[in-house]
PDB file of N, CA and C in Angstrom:
ATOM      1  N   MET A   1     137.616  22.563   0.692  1.00  0.00           N
ATOM      2  CA  MET A   1     138.375  24.236   1.098  1.00  0.00           C
ATOM      3  C   MET A   1     137.486  25.368   0.864  1.00  0.00           C
ATOM      4  N   ARG A   2     136.130  24.637   0.588  1.00  0.00           N
ATOM      5  CA  ARG A   2     135.413  25.021   0.185  1.00  0.00           C
ATOM      6  C   ARG A   2     134.993  26.660   1.185  1.00  0.00           C
ATOM      7  N   ASN A   3     135.316  26.351   2.557  1.00  0.00           N
ATOM      8  CA  ASN A   3     134.633  27.990   2.956  1.00  0.00           C
ATOM      9  C   ASN A   3     136.227  27.681   4.082  1.00  0.00           C
ATOM     10  N   THR A   4     137.182  27.246   3.751  1.00  0.00           N
ATOM     11  CA  THR A   4     138.008  28.075   4.354  1.00  0.00           C
ATOM     12  C   THR A   4     138.582  29.325   4.136  1.00  0.00           C
ATOM     13  N   PRO A   5     138.520  30.240   4.501  1.00  0.00           N
ATOM     14  CA  PRO A   5     138.832  31.951   4.729  1.00  0.00           C
ATOM     15  C   PRO A   5     139.854  32.403   3.751  1.00  0.00           C
ATOM     16  N   ARG A   6     140.336  33.048   2.804  1.00  0.00           N
ATOM     17  CA  ARG A   6     140.826  33.477   2.195  1.00  0.00           C
ATOM     18  C   ARG A   6     141.702  35.066   1.953  1.00  0.00           C
ATOM     19  N   ILE A   7     142.999  35.040   2.052  1.00  0.00           N
ATOM     20  CA  ILE A   7     143.338  36.293   1.561  1.00  0.00           C
ATOM     21  C   ILE A   7     143.046  36.895  -0.016  1.00  0.00           C
ATOM     22  N   PRO A   8     142.988  37.790   0.037  1.00  0.00           N
ATOM     23  CA  PRO A   8     142.951  38.246  -1.122  1.00  0.00           C
ATOM     24  C   PRO A   8     143.766  38.877  -1.507  1.00  0.00           C
ATOM     25  N   ALA A   9     144.091  38.670  -2.693  1.00  0.00           N
ATOM     26  CA  ALA A   9     145.070  38.556  -3.716  1.00  0.00           C
ATOM     27  C   ALA A   9     146.453  39.936  -3.896  1.00  0.00           C
ATOM     28  N   ARG A  10     145.526  41.014  -3.176  1.00  0.00           N
ATOM     29  CA  ARG A  10     146.492  42.037  -3.393  1.00  0.00           C
ATOM     30  C   ARG A  10     147.166  42.001  -1.899  1.00  0.00           C
ATOM     31  N   PHE A  11     147.691  41.382  -1.123  1.00  0.00           N
ATOM     32  CA  PHE A  11     148.333  40.846  -0.223  1.00  0.00           C
ATOM     33  C   PHE A  11     149.350  39.507  -0.587  1.00  0.00           C
ATOM     34  N   ALA A  12     149.296  39.322  -1.428  1.00  0.00           N
ATOM     35  CA  ALA A  12     149.909  38.212  -1.962  1.00  0.00           C
ATOM     36  C   ALA A  12     151.541  39.027  -2.154  1.00  0.00           C
ATOM     37  N   PRO A  13     151.953  39.846  -1.960  1.00  0.00           N
ATOM     38  CA  PRO A  13     153.369  40.103  -1.546  1.00  0.00           C
ATOM     39  C   PRO A  13     153.566  39.577  -0.680  1.00  0.00           C
ATOM     40  N   ILE A  14     153.148  41.013   0.290  1.00  0.00           N
ATOM     41  CA  ILE A  14     153.300  40.663   1.643  1.00  0.00           C
ATOM     42  C   ILE A  14     153.574  38.926   2.310  1.00  0.00           C
ATOM     43  N   LEU A  15     151.959  38.421   1.958  1.00  0.00           N
ATOM     44  CA  LEU A  15     152.440  37.043   2.220  1.00  0.00           C
ATOM     45  C   LEU A  15     153.369  35.750   1.936  1.00  0.00           C
ATOM     46  N   PHE A  16     153.753  36.200   0.538  1.00  0.00           N
ATOM     47  CA  PHE A  16     154.847  35.830   0.116  1.00  0.00           C
ATOM     48  C   PHE A  16     155.935  36.644   0.691  1.00  0.00           C
ATOM     49  N   GLY A  17     156.380  37.002   1.090  1.00  0.00           N
ATOM     50  CA  GLY A  17     157.824  37.569   1.574  1.00  0.00           C
ATOM     51  C   GLY A  17     157.093  36.489   3.453  1.00  0.00           C
ATOM     52  N   ALA A  18     156.453  37.428   3.780  1.00  0.00           N
ATOM     53  CA  ALA A  18     156.335  36.391   5.377  1.00  0.00           C
ATOM     54  C   ALA A  18     156.864  34.681   5.290  1.00  0.00           C
ATOM     55  N   LEU A  19     156.076  33.910   4.510  1.00  0.00           N
ATOM     56  CA  LEU A  19     156.524  33.231   4.123  1.00  0.00           C
ATOM     57  C   LEU A  19     157.735  32.275   4.315  1.00  0.00           C
ATOM     58  N   LEU A  20     158.639  33.101   2.962  1.00  0.00           N
ATOM     59  CA  LEU A  20     159.349  32.740   2.495  1.00  0.00           C
ATOM     60  C   LEU A  20     160.679  33.259   3.906  1.00  0.00           C
ATOM     61  N   SER A  21     160.162  34.111   4.917  1.00  0.00           N
ATOM     62  CA  SER A  21     161.144  34.792   5.702  1.00  0.00           C
ATOM     63  C   SER A  21     161.168  33.588   6.590  1.00  0.00           C
ATOM     64  N   VAL A  22     159.978  33.317   6.603  1.00  0.00           N
ATOM     65  CA  VAL A  22     159.721  32.582   8.315  1.00  0.00           C
ATOM     66  C   VAL A  22     160.431  31.098   7.901  1.00  0.00           C
ATOM     67  N   ILE A  23     160.374  30.115   7.129  1.00  0.00           N
ATOM     68  CA  ILE A  23     160.854  29.417   6.282  1.00  0.00           C
ATOM     69  C   ILE A  23     162.441  29.606   6.118  1.00  0.00           C
ATOM     70  N   MET A  24     163.325  30.337   5.515  1.00  0.00           N
ATOM     71  CA  MET A  24     164.064  30.260   5.822  1.00  0.00           C
ATOM     72  C   MET A  24     165.313  30.816   7.048  1.00  0.00           C
ATOM     73  N   VAL A  25     164.032  32.287   7.730  1.00  0.00           N
ATOM     74  CA  VAL A  25     164.685  31.739   9.316  1.00  0.00           C
ATOM     75  C   VAL A  25     164.925  30.327  10.078  1.00  0.00           C
ATOM     76  N   ALA A  26     163.782  29.814   9.383  1.00  0.00           N
ATOM     77  CA  ALA A  26     163.999  29.296  10.637  1.00  0.00           C
ATOM     78  C   ALA A  26     165.020  27.839  10.113  1.00  0.00           C
ATOM     79  N   ILE A  27     165.491  27.497   9.241  1.00  0.00           N
ATOM     80  CA  ILE A  27     166.151  26.905   8.541  1.00  0.00           C
ATOM     81  C   ILE A  27     167.408  27.324   8.922  1.00  0.00           C
ATOM     82  N   VAL A  28     167.793  28.597   8.609  1.00  0.00           N
ATOM     83  CA  VAL A  28     169.203  28.836   8.616  1.00  0.00           C
ATOM     84  C   VAL A  28     169.594  28.950   9.987  1.00  0.00           C
ATOM     85  N   SER A  29     168.307  30.190  10.886  1.00  0.00           N
ATOM     86  CA  SER A  29     169.215  30.082  12.280  1.00  0.00           C
ATOM     87  C   SER A  29     169.346  28.306  13.018  1.00  0.00           C
ATOM     88  N   ALA A  30     168.765  27.529  12.105  1.00  0.00           N
ATOM     89  CA  ALA A  30     168.620  26.159  13.314  1.00  0.00           C
ATOM     90  C   ALA A  30     169.955  26.070  12.603  1.00  0.00           C
ATOM     91  N   PHE A  31     170.241  26.009  11.630  1.00  0.00           N
ATOM     92  CA  PHE A  31     171.682  25.201  10.732  1.00  0.00           C
ATOM     93  C   PHE A  31     173.131  26.111  12.176  1.00  0.00           C
ATOM     94  N   VAL A  32     172.735  27.112  11.535  1.00  0.00           N
ATOM     95  CA  VAL A  32     174.309  27.974  12.097  1.00  0.00           C
ATOM     96  C   VAL A  32     174.018  27.985  13.715  1.00  0.00           C
ATOM     97  N   LEU A  33     173.620  27.764  14.676  1.00  0.00           N
ATOM     98  CA  LEU A  33     173.112  27.365  15.827  1.00  0.00           C
ATOM     99  C   LEU A  33     173.321  25.961  15.656  1.00  0.00           C
ATOM    100  N   ALA A  34     173.196  25.078  15.029  1.00  0.00           N
ATOM    101  CA  ALA A  34     174.173  23.963  15.302  1.00  0.00           C
ATOM    102  C   ALA A  34     175.595  23.533  15.389  1.00  0.00           C
ATOM    103  N   VAL A  35     176.262  24.376  14.353  1.00  0.00           N
ATOM    104  CA  VAL A  35     177.382  24.300  13.289  1.00  0.00           C
ATOM    105  C   VAL A  35     177.892  25.597  14.575  1.00  0.00           C
ATOM    106  N   SER A  36     177.849  26.687  15.341  1.00  0.00           N
ATOM    107  CA  SER A  36     178.626  27.406  16.321  1.00  0.00           C
ATOM    108  C   SER A  36     178.145  26.896  17.194  1.00  0.00           C
ATOM    109  N   GLN A  37     177.511  26.414  17.776  1.00  0.00           N
ATOM    110  CA  GLN A  37     176.728  26.455  19.174  1.00  0.00           C
ATOM    111  C   GLN A  37     176.896  24.561  19.442  1.00  0.00           C
ATOM    112  N   GLY A  38     176.347  23.784  18.848  1.00  0.00           N
ATOM    113  CA  GLY A  38     175.807  22.729  19.032  1.00  0.00           C
ATOM    114  C   GLY A  38     174.321  22.568  19.354  1.00  0.00           C
ATOM    115  N   ILE A  39     174.446  20.983  20.063  1.00  0.00           N
ATOM    116  CA  ILE A  39     172.871  20.748  19.842  1.00  0.00           C
ATOM    117  C   ILE A  39     172.612  20.544  21.044  1.00  0.00           C
ATOM    118  N   SER A  40     172.295  21.057  22.237  1.00  0.00           N
ATOM    119  CA  SER A  40     171.705  20.808  23.703  1.00  0.00           C
ATOM    120  C   SER A  40     170.714  20.526  23.938  1.00  0.00           C
ATOM    121  N   ALA A  41     170.343  20.734  24.990  1.00  0.00           N
ATOM    122  CA  ALA A  41     168.634  20.293  25.751  1.00  0.00           C
ATOM    123  C   ALA A  41     168.264  22.256  25.622  1.00  0.00           C
ATOM    124  N   ASP A  42     169.492  23.143  25.187  1.00  0.00           N
ATOM    125  CA  ASP A  42     168.611  24.649  25.415  1.00  0.00           C
ATOM    126  C   ASP A  42     168.448  24.532  24.085  1.00  0.00           C
ATOM    127  N   PHE A  43     168.528  23.542  23.459  1.00  0.00           N
ATOM    128  CA  PHE A  43     168.445  24.580  21.834  1.00  0.00           C
ATOM    129  C   PHE A  43     167.472  24.532  21.229  1.00  0.00           C
ATOM    130  N   PRO A  44     165.987  24.129  21.553  1.00  0.00           N
ATOM    131  CA  PRO A  44     165.287  24.745  21.183  1.00  0.00           C
ATOM    132  C   PRO A  44     164.432  26.203  21.896  1.00  0.00           C
ATOM    133  N   ALA A  45     165.069  26.621  22.823  1.00  0.00           N
ATOM    134  CA  ALA A  45     164.604  27.705  23.692  1.00  0.00           C
ATOM    135  C   ALA A  45     165.840  28.894  22.519  1.00  0.00           C
ATOM    136  N   ARG A  46     166.724  28.357  22.191  1.00  0.00           N
ATOM    137  CA  ARG A  46     167.948  29.122  21.070  1.00  0.00           C
ATOM    138  C   ARG A  46     167.447  29.646  19.939  1.00  0.00           C
ATOM    139  N   TRP A  47     167.183  28.649  19.187  1.00  0.00           N
ATOM    140  CA  TRP A  47     166.615  28.772  18.259  1.00  0.00           C
ATOM    141  C   TRP A  47     165.290  29.811  18.280  1.00  0.00           C
ATOM    142  N   LEU A  48     164.384  28.944  18.706  1.00  0.00           N
ATOM    143  CA  LEU A  48     163.122  29.834  18.701  1.00  0.00           C
ATOM    144  C   LEU A  48     163.709  31.666  18.813  1.00  0.00           C
ATOM    145  N   LYS A  49     164.228  31.988  20.224  1.00  0.00           N
ATOM    146  CA  LYS A  49     164.924  32.893  20.323  1.00  0.00           C
ATOM    147  C   LYS A  49     165.553  33.874  19.236  1.00  0.00           C
ATOM    148  N   SER A  50     166.728  32.996  18.521  1.00  0.00           N
ATOM    149  CA  SER A  50     167.332  33.495  17.109  1.00  0.00           C
ATOM    150  C   SER A  50     166.004  33.815  15.950  1.00  0.00           C
ATOM    151  N   CYS A  51     164.874  33.101  15.847  1.00  0.00           N
ATOM    152  CA  CYS A  51     163.665  33.007  14.986  1.00  0.00           C
ATOM    153  C   CYS A  51     163.263  34.099  15.042  1.00  0.00           C
ATOM    154  N   LEU A  52     162.894  34.505  16.495  1.00  0.00           N
ATOM    155  CA  LEU A  52     162.107  35.444  16.788  1.00  0.00           C
ATOM    156  C   LEU A  52     163.051  36.730  16.804  1.00  0.00           C
ATOM    157  N   THR A  53     163.887  36.812  16.531  1.00  0.00           N
ATOM    158  CA  THR A  53     164.767  38.247  16.200  1.00  0.00           C
ATOM    159  C   THR A  53     165.250  38.303  15.368  1.00  0.00           C
ATOM    160  N   THR A  54     165.578  37.477  14.566  1.00  0.00           N
ATOM    161  CA  THR A  54     166.166  37.677  12.966  1.00  0.00           C
ATOM    162  C   THR A  54     164.915  38.263  12.296  1.00  0.00           C
ATOM    163  N   TRP A  55     163.431  37.315  12.413  1.00  0.00           N
ATOM    164  CA  TRP A  55     162.881  36.892  11.216  1.00  0.00           C
ATOM    165  C   TRP A  55     162.239  38.515  11.189  1.00  0.00           C
ATOM    166  N   PRO A  56     162.057  39.743  11.937  1.00  0.00           N
ATOM    167  CA  PRO A  56     161.643  41.037  11.452  1.00  0.00           C
ATOM    168  C   PRO A  56     162.551  41.466  10.186  1.00  0.00           C
ATOM    169  N   VAL A  57     163.760  41.176  10.892  1.00  0.00           N
ATOM    170  CA  VAL A  57     164.772  41.864   9.845  1.00  0.00           C
ATOM    171  C   VAL A  57     164.743  41.145   7.905  1.00  0.00           C
ATOM    172  N   ALA A  58     164.207  39.765   8.436  1.00  0.00           N
ATOM    173  CA  ALA A  58     164.170  38.867   6.952  1.00  0.00           C
ATOM    174  C   ALA A  58     163.197  39.286   6.455  1.00  0.00           C
ATOM    175  N   PHE A  59     162.239  39.480   7.122  1.00  0.00           N
ATOM    176  CA  PHE A  59     160.918  40.044   6.431  1.00  0.00           C
ATOM    177  C   PHE A  59     160.820  41.406   5.666  1.00  0.00           C
ATOM    178  N   ALA A  60     161.350  42.324   6.317  1.00  0.00           N
ATOM    179  CA  ALA A  60     161.702  43.335   5.360  1.00  0.00           C
ATOM    180  C   ALA A  60     162.226  43.643   4.407  1.00  0.00           C
ATOM    181  N   SER A  61     163.693  42.759   4.768  1.00  0.00           N
ATOM    182  CA  SER A  61     164.454  41.778   3.411  1.00  0.00           C
ATOM    183  C   SER A  61     163.245  41.608   2.269  1.00  0.00           C
ATOM    184  N   VAL A  62     162.991  40.859   2.660  1.00  0.00           N
ATOM    185  CA  VAL A  62     162.374  39.652   1.300  1.00  0.00           C
ATOM    186  C   VAL A  62     161.005  40.792   0.990  1.00  0.00           C
ATOM    187  N   THR A  63     160.800  41.434   1.395  1.00  0.00           N
ATOM    188  CA  THR A  63     159.856  42.336   0.787  1.00  0.00           C
ATOM    189  C   THR A  63     160.186  43.386  -0.028  1.00  0.00           C
ATOM    190  N   LEU A  64     160.708  43.956   0.628  1.00  0.00           N
ATOM    191  CA  LEU A  64     161.866  45.299  -0.199  1.00  0.00           C
ATOM    192  C   LEU A  64     162.718  45.136  -1.167  1.00  0.00           C
ATOM    193  N   LEU A  65     163.270  43.539  -1.151  1.00  0.00           N
ATOM    194  CA  LEU A  65     164.506  43.609  -2.182  1.00  0.00           C
ATOM    195  C   LEU A  65     163.532  42.382  -2.832  1.00  0.00           C
ATOM    196  N   ALA A  66     162.419  41.839  -3.286  1.00  0.00           N
ATOM    197  CA  ALA A  66     161.597  41.060  -4.134  1.00  0.00           C
ATOM    198  C   ALA A  66     161.715  42.045  -5.471  1.00  0.00           C
ATOM    199  N   PRO A  67     161.071  42.867  -5.616  1.00  0.00           N
ATOM    200  CA  PRO A  67     160.811  43.455  -6.893  1.00  0.00           C
ATOM    201  C   PRO A  67     162.023  44.112  -7.385  1.00  0.00           C
ATOM    202  N   TRP A  68     163.094  44.220  -6.810  1.00  0.00           N
ATOM    203  CA  TRP A  68     163.988  44.832  -7.279  1.00  0.00           C
ATOM    204  C   TRP A  68     164.509  43.091  -7.727  1.00  0.00           C
ATOM    205  N   VAL A  69     164.945  42.472  -7.458  1.00  0.00           N
ATOM    206  CA  VAL A  69     165.738  41.162  -7.544  1.00  0.00           C
ATOM    207  C   VAL A  69     164.676  40.694  -8.551  1.00  0.00           C
ATOM    208  N   ARG A  70     163.365  40.524  -8.948  1.00  0.00           N
ATOM    209  CA  ARG A  70     162.570  39.711  -9.754  1.00  0.00           C
ATOM    210  C   ARG A  70     163.074  40.938 -11.114  1.00  0.00           C
ATOM    211  N   ARG A  71     163.330  42.338 -11.641  1.00  0.00           N
ATOM    212  CA  ARG A  71     163.423  43.450 -12.048  1.00  0.00           C
ATOM    213  C   ARG A  71     165.195  42.865 -12.732  1.00  0.00           C
ATOM    214  N   VAL A  72     166.220  42.560 -11.906  1.00  0.00           N
ATOM    215  CA  VAL A  72     167.067  41.838 -12.197  1.00  0.00           C
ATOM    216  C   VAL A  72     167.381  40.863 -12.695  1.00  0.00           C
ATOM    217  N   VAL A  73     166.416  39.607 -12.339  1.00  0.00           N
ATOM    218  CA  VAL A  73     166.505  38.713 -12.830  1.00  0.00           C
ATOM    219  C   VAL A  73     165.702  38.479 -14.313  1.00  0.00           C
ATOM    220  N   GLY A  74     164.635  39.546 -14.591  1.00  0.00           N
ATOM    221  CA  GLY A  74     164.419  39.904 -15.885  1.00  0.00           C
ATOM    222  C   GLY A  74     165.254  40.262 -16.663  1.00  0.00           C
ATOM    223  N   ARG A  75     166.326  40.788 -16.525  1.00  0.00           N
ATOM    224  CA  ARG A  75     166.825  41.360 -17.131  1.00  0.00           C
ATOM    225  C   ARG A  75     168.178  40.320 -17.141  1.00  0.00           C
ATOM    226  N   LEU A  76     168.283  39.640 -16.998  1.00  0.00           N
ATOM    227  CA  LEU A  76     169.411  38.381 -17.277  1.00  0.00           C
ATOM    228  C   LEU A  76     169.168  37.328 -17.467  1.00  0.00           C
ATOM    229  N   THR A  77     167.596  37.657 -18.072  1.00  0.00           N
ATOM    230  CA  THR A  77     167.344  35.525 -18.440  1.00  0.00           C
ATOM    231  C   THR A  77     166.938  36.308 -20.116  1.00  0.00           C
ATOM    232  N   THR A  78     166.406  35.259 -20.375  1.00  0.00           N
ATOM    233  CA  THR A  78     166.121  35.487 -22.320  1.00  0.00           C
ATOM    234  C   THR A  78     164.526  35.602 -22.085  1.00  0.00           C
TER     235      THR A  78
END
């Protein structure tokens, strides 16, 4: 990892939101598609379309709501 390019720490909240939203969208959209429409030959294409359609909403939501959620959790925990 010596010569691995690193992202500056100031971008950590954006990177966190991007990674978390990508993972969640991939998992949830696959599950919802499989349950609601079944798994067929065109499942990967439908899944990819679903991910690409919903990821911007998930990314914006996670990025904008994370600070508020952290404050709420801070107030609810000891």
